[in-house]
Amino acid sequence: MSFGVPAPGWVNGPVRWWGHVSGSGRLGKGPAVQVQLPGKLLACGRRLGQVSGLPLRLGANSSGNGDCHMGGQMNHPNALLYKWLVINSFAALLVYVAWLRDWISLVIESDASSLSLVIGLVFLVFWLTSSFHILTVNREVGRFAEGRKTGIAADYFERLRRKGANLGGQNIDQALLASTLRARMFLPIQIVAYVANVLILLGLIGTVVGFVIAVSGLGDSIAGGTNIERVQGVLGQIVNGMGVALFTTLLGAILGGLWLQIHYQMLVRAVGGLVVDVVEEADIEIIPEIYRSRAKAAAEAPAE
């Protein structure tokens, strides 16, 4: 059975190969895979064998050039976008059902403190913010997977090359640059986790406010004697207080503790995977390339 390796393409099932490869291969009997690749791609082929766990037998091909980038933790470069679409489509369906059953209007009308509206507005603003970050990270994963010369990964590789040039003949340690890359990627998304916790806290504040309203109404009932109209009014106040307490807690937990937290976890996984892939690519491909360039320049330099 023969197969080609387009970009993107599949090699033996779930192992994702990204890049432009001019070569061919065949699946032998058993788990071994015979792959013929251009000489420049042998390092990528070895990485594919390490990730897939398959005993790949690699052979060089004298013709053809190409480049290979294995990004996004071996997933489709738009995997993050697809997850975002699935999760938010399901959540939007639940919101639509709640609207049809008038649950949304019930929450707003039952909340005398208007904390539910505050929670909803804050959630909407940072839902848009987190969605923007998800789309941005998805774009960067795609750029890295396709080997483009723009984006976070390309900028990191360029900084590493500049560091290698400035160091002269010294060894290259990318630990500091890797830490900087991680900080640059993670700092913008920390606000999402913070706001998710703030929404939960607002829900708890609403619980306290609701119980204060209810308890104050109970105190008025005791002090007011047995006047029926006053008792009815106080009971209404207690019910309103309980509504504030329950609905604000519910909204804070759903919007902050679930929805925004899911966005944040998606971002953390995607950003962490991208950072790992970029640093690994630099360690396996870029740094040896810098050393080879040094050796070539030294060999071509005229002897004194």
Foldseek 3Di string as FASTA:
>chain_A
DKDDCDAFDDDPPQQTWHWHWDWIWDDDPDQETETEGAPVCVLVVVVSCVLVVGNYDYDHDPDDDIDTACFQSRDDLCPLVVVVVVVVVVVVVVVVVCVVVCVVVVLCVLAPPCLLVVLVVLLVVVVVVLVVLSVLLSVQRVCRRNVHCDHLLNVLLVVQLVVLVVVQPDAGDCPVVLVVSLCVLPVSLVVLLVVLVVLLVSLQVQLVQLVVQLVVLVVQCVVVPVDPVSVVVSVSSNSSSVSSNPSSNVSSCPSRVPVSVVSSVSSVVSSVRRSVSSVVCCVSPSSVVSVVVSVVVVVPDDDD
